[in-house]
Amino acid sequence: MADETFKYVILGGGVAAGYAAREFVKQGLNPGELAIISKEAVRFHIPIILEQGLL
């Protein structure tokens, strides 16, 4: 696994993580600044985040 550095990290991939990520986007998050770390079997998504290519 490559070493990567993120400005923000959200632990857990539930609904709360998705809403937190959306708030980061609203606050002007730049691509590549946020990582969501989760053991979920499927990738959580909110359409606005996918549209902006952040996940």
PDB file of N, CA and C in Angstrom:
ATOM      1  N   MET A   1       0.841  -1.183   0.000  1.00  0.00           N
ATOM      2  CA  MET A   1       0.000   0.000   0.000  1.00  0.00           C
ATOM      3  C   MET A   1       0.883   1.244   0.000  1.00  0.00           C
ATOM      4  N   ALA A   2       0.574   2.166  -0.867  1.00  0.00           N
ATOM      5  CA  ALA A   2       1.358   3.397  -0.981  1.00  0.00           C
ATOM      6  C   ALA A   2       1.060   4.334   0.186  1.00  0.00           C
ATOM      7  N   ASP A   3       2.079   5.062   0.603  1.00  0.00           N
ATOM      8  CA  ASP A   3       1.874   6.064   1.649  1.00  0.00           C
ATOM      9  C   ASP A   3       1.168   7.264   1.043  1.00  0.00           C
ATOM     10  N   GLU A   4       0.080   7.657   1.675  1.00  0.00           N
ATOM     11  CA  GLU A   4      -0.658   8.825   1.225  1.00  0.00           C
ATOM     12  C   GLU A   4      -0.912   9.723   2.420  1.00  0.00           C
ATOM     13  N   THR A   5      -0.982  11.009   2.170  1.00  0.00           N
ATOM     14  CA  THR A   5      -1.243  11.977   3.219  1.00  0.00           C
ATOM     15  C   THR A   5      -2.538  12.698   2.903  1.00  0.00           C
ATOM     16  N   PHE A   6      -3.400  12.804   3.905  1.00  0.00           N
ATOM     17  CA  PHE A   6      -4.666  13.504   3.753  1.00  0.00           C
ATOM     18  C   PHE A   6      -4.769  14.579   4.821  1.00  0.00           C
ATOM     19  N   LYS A   7      -5.401  15.664   4.479  1.00  0.00           N
ATOM     20  CA  LYS A   7      -5.616  16.746   5.437  1.00  0.00           C
ATOM     21  C   LYS A   7      -6.683  16.349   6.454  1.00  0.00           C
ATOM     22  N   TYR A   8      -7.697  15.600   6.004  1.00  0.00           N
ATOM     23  CA  TYR A   8      -8.806  15.170   6.863  1.00  0.00           C
ATOM     24  C   TYR A   8      -9.042  13.681   6.692  1.00  0.00           C
ATOM     25  N   VAL A   9      -9.406  13.009   7.784  1.00  0.00           N
ATOM     26  CA  VAL A   9      -9.712  11.582   7.752  1.00  0.00           C
ATOM     27  C   VAL A   9     -11.001  11.357   8.531  1.00  0.00           C
ATOM     28  N   ILE A  10     -11.937  10.621   7.914  1.00  0.00           N
ATOM     29  CA  ILE A  10     -13.170  10.214   8.585  1.00  0.00           C
ATOM     30  C   ILE A  10     -13.058   8.717   8.820  1.00  0.00           C
ATOM     31  N   LEU A  11     -13.230   8.291  10.058  1.00  0.00           N
ATOM     32  CA  LEU A  11     -13.178   6.867  10.388  1.00  0.00           C
ATOM     33  C   LEU A  11     -14.599   6.329  10.435  1.00  0.00           C
ATOM     34  N   GLY A  12     -14.850   5.295   9.642  1.00  0.00           N
ATOM     35  CA  GLY A  12     -16.181   4.706   9.563  1.00  0.00           C
ATOM     36  C   GLY A  12     -16.865   5.148   8.287  1.00  0.00           C
ATOM     37  N   GLY A  13     -17.647   4.255   7.702  1.00  0.00           N
ATOM     38  CA  GLY A  13     -18.257   4.560   6.415  1.00  0.00           C
ATOM     39  C   GLY A  13     -19.756   4.609   6.442  1.00  0.00           C
ATOM     40  N   GLY A  14     -20.337   4.831   7.593  1.00  0.00           N
ATOM     41  CA  GLY A  14     -21.789   4.876   7.696  1.00  0.00           C
ATOM     42  C   GLY A  14     -22.376   6.169   7.180  1.00  0.00           C
ATOM     43  N   VAL A  15     -23.652   6.339   7.439  1.00  0.00           N
ATOM     44  CA  VAL A  15     -24.377   7.523   6.983  1.00  0.00           C
ATOM     45  C   VAL A  15     -23.751   8.799   7.538  1.00  0.00           C
ATOM     46  N   ALA A  16     -23.361   8.784   8.789  1.00  0.00           N
ATOM     47  CA  ALA A  16     -22.751   9.973   9.394  1.00  0.00           C
ATOM     48  C   ALA A  16     -21.471  10.367   8.661  1.00  0.00           C
ATOM     49  N   ALA A  17     -20.697   9.393   8.213  1.00  0.00           N
ATOM     50  CA  ALA A  17     -19.480   9.691   7.459  1.00  0.00           C
ATOM     51  C   ALA A  17     -19.811  10.362   6.134  1.00  0.00           C
ATOM     52  N   GLY A  18     -20.873   9.901   5.493  1.00  0.00           N
ATOM     53  CA  GLY A  18     -21.294  10.504   4.233  1.00  0.00           C
ATOM     54  C   GLY A  18     -21.734  11.949   4.410  1.00  0.00           C
ATOM     55  N   TYR A  19     -22.496  12.194   5.461  1.00  0.00           N
ATOM     56  CA  TYR A  19     -22.938  13.566   5.723  1.00  0.00           C
ATOM     57  C   TYR A  19     -21.765  14.457   6.121  1.00  0.00           C
ATOM     58  N   ALA A  20     -20.822  13.913   6.861  1.00  0.00           N
ATOM     59  CA  ALA A  20     -19.634  14.686   7.225  1.00  0.00           C
ATOM     60  C   ALA A  20     -18.833  15.038   5.969  1.00  0.00           C
ATOM     61  N   ALA A  21     -18.689  14.085   5.063  1.00  0.00           N
ATOM     62  CA  ALA A  21     -17.971  14.342   3.813  1.00  0.00           C
ATOM     63  C   ALA A  21     -18.687  15.422   3.003  1.00  0.00           C
ATOM     64  N   ARG A  22     -19.999  15.365   2.984  1.00  0.00           N
ATOM     65  CA  ARG A  22     -20.761  16.389   2.263  1.00  0.00           C
ATOM     66  C   ARG A  22     -20.514  17.772   2.857  1.00  0.00           C
ATOM     67  N   GLU A  23     -20.428  17.853   4.172  1.00  0.00           N
ATOM     68  CA  GLU A  23     -20.149  19.141   4.820  1.00  0.00           C
ATOM     69  C   GLU A  23     -18.749  19.647   4.453  1.00  0.00           C
ATOM     70  N   PHE A  24     -17.791  18.745   4.372  1.00  0.00           N
ATOM     71  CA  PHE A  24     -16.452  19.139   3.937  1.00  0.00           C
ATOM     72  C   PHE A  24     -16.514  19.736   2.528  1.00  0.00           C
ATOM     73  N   VAL A  25     -17.292  19.121   1.638  1.00  0.00           N
ATOM     74  CA  VAL A  25     -17.432  19.626   0.275  1.00  0.00           C
ATOM     75  C   VAL A  25     -18.044  21.024   0.295  1.00  0.00           C
ATOM     76  N   LYS A  26     -19.071  21.205   1.104  1.00  0.00           N
ATOM     77  CA  LYS A  26     -19.714  22.522   1.209  1.00  0.00           C
ATOM     78  C   LYS A  26     -18.739  23.589   1.700  1.00  0.00           C
ATOM     79  N   GLN A  27     -17.773  23.187   2.507  1.00  0.00           N
ATOM     80  CA  GLN A  27     -16.800  24.126   3.068  1.00  0.00           C
ATOM     81  C   GLN A  27     -15.610  24.365   2.132  1.00  0.00           C
ATOM     82  N   GLY A  28     -15.647  23.769   0.934  1.00  0.00           N
ATOM     83  CA  GLY A  28     -14.594  24.027  -0.042  1.00  0.00           C
ATOM     84  C   GLY A  28     -13.461  23.019  -0.056  1.00  0.00           C
ATOM     85  N   LEU A  29     -13.742  21.803   0.331  1.00  0.00           N
ATOM     86  CA  LEU A  29     -12.734  20.743   0.315  1.00  0.00           C
ATOM     87  C   LEU A  29     -12.131  20.593  -1.079  1.00  0.00           C
ATOM     88  N   ASN A  30     -10.833  20.472  -1.147  1.00  0.00           N
ATOM     89  CA  ASN A  30     -10.153  20.237  -2.414  1.00  0.00           C
ATOM     90  C   ASN A  30     -10.014  18.739  -2.661  1.00  0.00           C
ATOM     91  N   PRO A  31     -10.060  18.304  -3.924  1.00  0.00           N
ATOM     92  CA  PRO A  31      -9.887  16.880  -4.220  1.00  0.00           C
ATOM     93  C   PRO A  31      -8.592  16.344  -3.618  1.00  0.00           C
ATOM     94  N   GLY A  32      -8.684  15.157  -3.027  1.00  0.00           N
ATOM     95  CA  GLY A  32      -7.509  14.516  -2.450  1.00  0.00           C
ATOM     96  C   GLY A  32      -7.209  14.890  -1.012  1.00  0.00           C
ATOM     97  N   GLU A  33      -8.014  15.768  -0.403  1.00  0.00           N
ATOM     98  CA  GLU A  33      -7.765  16.179   0.982  1.00  0.00           C
ATOM     99  C   GLU A  33      -8.452  15.294   2.007  1.00  0.00           C
ATOM    100  N   LEU A  34      -9.419  14.487   1.592  1.00  0.00           N
ATOM    101  CA  LEU A  34     -10.230  13.708   2.525  1.00  0.00           C
ATOM    102  C   LEU A  34     -10.126  12.220   2.237  1.00  0.00           C
ATOM    103  N   ALA A  35      -9.938  11.445   3.303  1.00  0.00           N
ATOM    104  CA  ALA A  35      -9.976   9.987   3.197  1.00  0.00           C
ATOM    105  C   ALA A  35     -11.069   9.482   4.126  1.00  0.00           C
ATOM    106  N   ILE A  36     -11.839   8.497   3.663  1.00  0.00           N
ATOM    107  CA  ILE A  36     -12.816   7.816   4.508  1.00  0.00           C
ATOM    108  C   ILE A  36     -12.318   6.389   4.666  1.00  0.00           C
ATOM    109  N   ILE A  37     -12.046   6.009   5.902  1.00  0.00           N
ATOM    110  CA  ILE A  37     -11.516   4.675   6.189  1.00  0.00           C
ATOM    111  C   ILE A  37     -12.629   3.859   6.825  1.00  0.00           C
ATOM    112  N   SER A  38     -12.923   2.703   6.218  1.00  0.00           N
ATOM    113  CA  SER A  38     -14.061   1.901   6.653  1.00  0.00           C
ATOM    114  C   SER A  38     -13.835   0.431   6.344  1.00  0.00           C
ATOM    115  N   LYS A  39     -14.535  -0.417   7.066  1.00  0.00           N
ATOM    116  CA  LYS A  39     -14.516  -1.852   6.779  1.00  0.00           C
ATOM    117  C   LYS A  39     -15.768  -2.277   6.018  1.00  0.00           C
ATOM    118  N   GLU A  40     -16.572  -1.314   5.560  1.00  0.00           N
ATOM    119  CA  GLU A  40     -17.802  -1.611   4.839  1.00  0.00           C
ATOM    120  C   GLU A  40     -17.481  -2.405   3.570  1.00  0.00           C
ATOM    121  N   ALA A  41     -18.354  -3.326   3.220  1.00  0.00           N
ATOM    122  CA  ALA A  41     -18.149  -4.154   2.029  1.00  0.00           C
ATOM    123  C   ALA A  41     -18.416  -3.374   0.739  1.00  0.00           C
ATOM    124  N   VAL A  42     -19.247  -2.349   0.825  1.00  0.00           N
ATOM    125  CA  VAL A  42     -19.550  -1.526  -0.347  1.00  0.00           C
ATOM    126  C   VAL A  42     -19.200  -0.080  -0.048  1.00  0.00           C
ATOM    127  N   ARG A  43     -18.861   0.652  -1.094  1.00  0.00           N
ATOM    128  CA  ARG A  43     -18.488   2.056  -0.943  1.00  0.00           C
ATOM    129  C   ARG A  43     -19.732   2.903  -0.701  1.00  0.00           C
ATOM    130  N   PHE A  44     -19.722   3.676   0.386  1.00  0.00           N
ATOM    131  CA  PHE A  44     -20.812   4.597   0.679  1.00  0.00           C
ATOM    132  C   PHE A  44     -20.708   5.780  -0.267  1.00  0.00           C
ATOM    133  N   HIS A  45     -21.844   6.300  -0.713  1.00  0.00           N
ATOM    134  CA  HIS A  45     -21.782   7.466  -1.587  1.00  0.00           C
ATOM    135  C   HIS A  45     -22.972   8.389  -1.378  1.00  0.00           C
ATOM    136  N   ILE A  46     -22.730   9.630  -1.646  1.00  0.00           N
ATOM    137  CA  ILE A  46     -23.773  10.636  -1.744  1.00  0.00           C
ATOM    138  C   ILE A  46     -23.603  11.229  -3.131  1.00  0.00           C
ATOM    139  N   PRO A  47     -24.670  11.332  -3.925  1.00  0.00           N
ATOM    140  CA  PRO A  47     -24.528  11.762  -5.318  1.00  0.00           C
ATOM    141  C   PRO A  47     -23.689  13.023  -5.521  1.00  0.00           C
ATOM    142  N   ILE A  48     -23.819  14.030  -4.697  1.00  0.00           N
ATOM    143  CA  ILE A  48     -23.040  15.265  -4.904  1.00  0.00           C
ATOM    144  C   ILE A  48     -21.538  15.008  -4.785  1.00  0.00           C
ATOM    145  N   ILE A  49     -21.153  14.102  -3.909  1.00  0.00           N
ATOM    146  CA  ILE A  49     -19.730  13.772  -3.766  1.00  0.00           C
ATOM    147  C   ILE A  49     -19.235  13.054  -5.019  1.00  0.00           C
ATOM    148  N   LEU A  50     -20.025  12.130  -5.536  1.00  0.00           N
ATOM    149  CA  LEU A  50     -19.611  11.425  -6.745  1.00  0.00           C
ATOM    150  C   LEU A  50     -19.542  12.365  -7.937  1.00  0.00           C
ATOM    151  N   GLU A  51     -20.495  13.299  -8.035  1.00  0.00           N
ATOM    152  CA  GLU A  51     -20.484  14.249  -9.141  1.00  0.00           C
ATOM    153  C   GLU A  51     -19.216  15.092  -9.142  1.00  0.00           C
ATOM    154  N   GLN A  52     -18.689  15.401  -7.976  1.00  0.00           N
ATOM    155  CA  GLN A  52     -17.505  16.232  -7.891  1.00  0.00           C
ATOM    156  C   GLN A  52     -16.226  15.405  -7.897  1.00  0.00           C
ATOM    157  N   GLY A  53     -16.362  14.074  -8.015  1.00  0.00           N
ATOM    158  CA  GLY A  53     -15.202  13.215  -8.132  1.00  0.00           C
ATOM    159  C   GLY A  53     -14.352  13.128  -6.872  1.00  0.00           C
ATOM    160  N   LEU A  54     -14.984  13.251  -5.702  1.00  0.00           N
ATOM    161  CA  LEU A  54     -14.207  13.244  -4.463  1.00  0.00           C
ATOM    162  C   LEU A  54     -14.024  11.855  -3.870  1.00  0.00           C
ATOM    163  N   LEU A  55     -14.826  10.881  -4.301  1.00  0.00           N
ATOM    164  CA  LEU A  55     -14.653   9.524  -3.785  1.00  0.00           C
ATOM    165  C   LEU A  55     -14.204   8.616  -4.901  1.00  0.00           C
TER     166      LEU A  55
END
